[in-house]
């Protein structure tokens, strides 16, 4: 289960990307989560996924 609050989600996702996964796609596939949902929730607080940095910035 992933956090519903966008700020908590940001922290959760960036931690997972930093420590465990090489990409957003790999994380979402492993966790059975829709990447579009994560990107939409984080876009609402002005964060976008940066593939080169492998984090939301």
N, C-alpha and C. Protein backbone atom coordinates (compact mmCIF):
# COMPACT_ATOMS: atom_id res chain seq x y z
N UNK A 1 0.85 -1.18 0.00
CA UNK A 1 0.00 0.00 0.00
C UNK A 1 0.89 1.24 0.00
N UNK A 2 0.51 2.21 -0.81
CA UNK A 2 1.27 3.46 -0.87
C UNK A 2 0.48 4.56 -0.18
N UNK A 3 1.17 5.57 0.32
CA UNK A 3 0.48 6.68 1.01
C UNK A 3 -0.46 7.42 0.07
N UNK A 4 -1.56 7.89 0.61
CA UNK A 4 -2.53 8.67 -0.17
C UNK A 4 -2.19 10.16 -0.18
N UNK A 5 -1.63 10.64 0.92
CA UNK A 5 -1.25 12.05 1.00
C UNK A 5 -0.11 12.32 0.02
N UNK A 6 -0.23 13.32 -0.84
CA UNK A 6 0.80 13.58 -1.85
C UNK A 6 2.19 13.84 -1.28
N UNK A 7 2.29 14.56 -0.18
CA UNK A 7 3.61 14.85 0.40
C UNK A 7 4.25 13.58 0.96
N UNK A 8 3.44 12.77 1.62
CA UNK A 8 3.95 11.49 2.14
C UNK A 8 4.30 10.56 0.98
N UNK A 9 3.50 10.59 -0.07
CA UNK A 9 3.76 9.79 -1.26
C UNK A 9 5.10 10.18 -1.89
N UNK A 10 5.35 11.47 -1.98
CA UNK A 10 6.61 11.96 -2.52
C UNK A 10 7.80 11.39 -1.76
N UNK A 11 7.75 11.48 -0.47
CA UNK A 11 8.83 10.97 0.37
C UNK A 11 8.99 9.46 0.21
N UNK A 12 7.89 8.74 0.24
CA UNK A 12 7.88 7.29 0.10
C UNK A 12 8.48 6.87 -1.24
N UNK A 13 7.99 7.47 -2.33
CA UNK A 13 8.44 7.09 -3.67
C UNK A 13 9.91 7.42 -3.87
N UNK A 14 10.34 8.61 -3.48
CA UNK A 14 11.74 8.97 -3.68
C UNK A 14 12.67 8.08 -2.86
N UNK A 15 12.26 7.68 -1.67
CA UNK A 15 13.06 6.75 -0.88
C UNK A 15 13.18 5.41 -1.59
N UNK A 16 12.07 4.89 -2.07
CA UNK A 16 12.08 3.60 -2.78
C UNK A 16 12.94 3.68 -4.04
N UNK A 17 12.81 4.77 -4.79
CA UNK A 17 13.60 4.93 -6.01
C UNK A 17 15.09 5.04 -5.69
N UNK A 18 15.41 5.76 -4.65
CA UNK A 18 16.82 5.93 -4.27
C UNK A 18 17.44 4.62 -3.78
N UNK A 19 16.71 3.90 -2.95
CA UNK A 19 17.30 2.75 -2.26
C UNK A 19 17.07 1.39 -2.91
N UNK A 20 16.01 1.26 -3.71
CA UNK A 20 15.64 -0.09 -4.16
C UNK A 20 15.41 -0.27 -5.66
N UNK A 21 15.07 0.77 -6.38
CA UNK A 21 14.66 0.60 -7.77
C UNK A 21 15.44 1.50 -8.73
N UNK A 22 15.65 0.98 -9.92
CA UNK A 22 16.41 1.73 -10.93
C UNK A 22 15.53 2.65 -11.77
N UNK A 23 14.20 2.49 -11.65
CA UNK A 23 13.29 3.35 -12.41
C UNK A 23 11.90 3.33 -11.78
N UNK A 24 11.11 4.31 -12.14
CA UNK A 24 9.72 4.37 -11.68
C UNK A 24 8.95 3.16 -12.21
N UNK A 25 9.21 2.79 -13.44
CA UNK A 25 8.52 1.66 -14.03
C UNK A 25 8.82 0.37 -13.28
N UNK A 26 10.08 0.16 -12.91
CA UNK A 26 10.46 -1.05 -12.16
C UNK A 26 9.78 -1.08 -10.80
N UNK A 27 9.74 0.06 -10.13
CA UNK A 27 9.10 0.13 -8.82
C UNK A 27 7.61 -0.18 -8.94
N UNK A 28 6.94 0.44 -9.90
CA UNK A 28 5.50 0.25 -10.05
C UNK A 28 5.16 -1.18 -10.45
N UNK A 29 5.96 -1.76 -11.30
CA UNK A 29 5.72 -3.15 -11.68
C UNK A 29 5.88 -4.07 -10.48
N UNK A 30 6.91 -3.87 -9.71
CA UNK A 30 7.17 -4.71 -8.54
C UNK A 30 6.09 -4.54 -7.47
N UNK A 31 5.62 -3.31 -7.30
CA UNK A 31 4.64 -3.01 -6.25
C UNK A 31 3.20 -3.11 -6.76
N UNK A 32 3.03 -3.44 -8.04
CA UNK A 32 1.71 -3.54 -8.67
C UNK A 32 0.91 -2.25 -8.48
N UNK A 33 1.55 -1.14 -8.88
CA UNK A 33 0.96 0.20 -8.78
C UNK A 33 0.98 0.83 -10.17
N UNK A 34 -0.02 1.62 -10.46
CA UNK A 34 -0.10 2.32 -11.74
C UNK A 34 0.79 3.57 -11.70
N UNK A 35 1.82 3.65 -12.55
CA UNK A 35 2.69 4.83 -12.53
C UNK A 35 1.96 6.13 -12.86
N UNK A 36 0.92 6.05 -13.68
CA UNK A 36 0.16 7.25 -14.03
C UNK A 36 -0.52 7.86 -12.79
N UNK A 37 -0.98 7.01 -11.89
CA UNK A 37 -1.61 7.50 -10.66
C UNK A 37 -0.60 8.26 -9.80
N UNK A 38 0.58 7.69 -9.67
CA UNK A 38 1.63 8.34 -8.88
C UNK A 38 2.02 9.66 -9.51
N UNK A 39 2.24 9.65 -10.82
CA UNK A 39 2.64 10.89 -11.50
C UNK A 39 1.55 11.95 -11.40
N UNK A 40 0.31 11.56 -11.49
CA UNK A 40 -0.81 12.51 -11.40
C UNK A 40 -0.89 13.12 -10.00
N UNK A 41 -0.78 12.28 -8.97
CA UNK A 41 -0.85 12.79 -7.59
C UNK A 41 0.30 13.74 -7.30
N UNK A 42 1.49 13.41 -7.78
CA UNK A 42 2.64 14.25 -7.48
C UNK A 42 2.68 15.49 -8.37
N UNK A 43 2.09 15.41 -9.53
CA UNK A 43 1.98 16.61 -10.38
C UNK A 43 1.09 17.65 -9.71
N UNK A 44 0.14 17.18 -8.92
CA UNK A 44 -0.76 18.11 -8.21
C UNK A 44 -0.02 18.98 -7.21
N UNK A 45 1.16 18.52 -6.76
CA UNK A 45 1.98 19.34 -5.86
C UNK A 45 3.27 19.79 -6.56
N UNK A 46 3.19 19.84 -7.90
CA UNK A 46 4.26 20.37 -8.76
C UNK A 46 5.55 19.56 -8.74
N UNK A 47 5.43 18.25 -8.71
CA UNK A 47 6.60 17.38 -8.82
C UNK A 47 6.46 16.52 -10.07
N UNK A 48 7.57 16.36 -10.78
CA UNK A 48 7.62 15.55 -12.00
C UNK A 48 8.75 14.55 -11.87
N UNK A 49 8.56 13.39 -12.50
CA UNK A 49 9.60 12.36 -12.47
C UNK A 49 10.72 12.74 -13.41
N UNK A 50 11.94 12.71 -12.90
CA UNK A 50 13.15 12.98 -13.68
C UNK A 50 13.87 11.65 -13.85
N UNK A 51 13.82 11.09 -15.07
CA UNK A 51 14.43 9.78 -15.33
C UNK A 51 15.93 9.78 -15.06
N UNK A 52 16.59 10.84 -15.43
CA UNK A 52 18.04 10.91 -15.25
C UNK A 52 18.42 10.84 -13.77
N UNK A 53 17.67 11.50 -12.94
CA UNK A 53 17.94 11.51 -11.49
C UNK A 53 17.24 10.37 -10.76
N UNK A 54 16.28 9.74 -11.45
CA UNK A 54 15.46 8.67 -10.88
C UNK A 54 14.80 9.12 -9.57
N UNK A 55 14.17 10.28 -9.67
CA UNK A 55 13.42 10.80 -8.52
C UNK A 55 12.43 11.86 -9.00
N UNK A 56 11.50 12.17 -8.13
CA UNK A 56 10.56 13.25 -8.41
C UNK A 56 11.18 14.54 -7.90
N UNK A 57 11.19 15.54 -8.78
CA UNK A 57 11.79 16.84 -8.42
C UNK A 57 10.81 17.96 -8.75
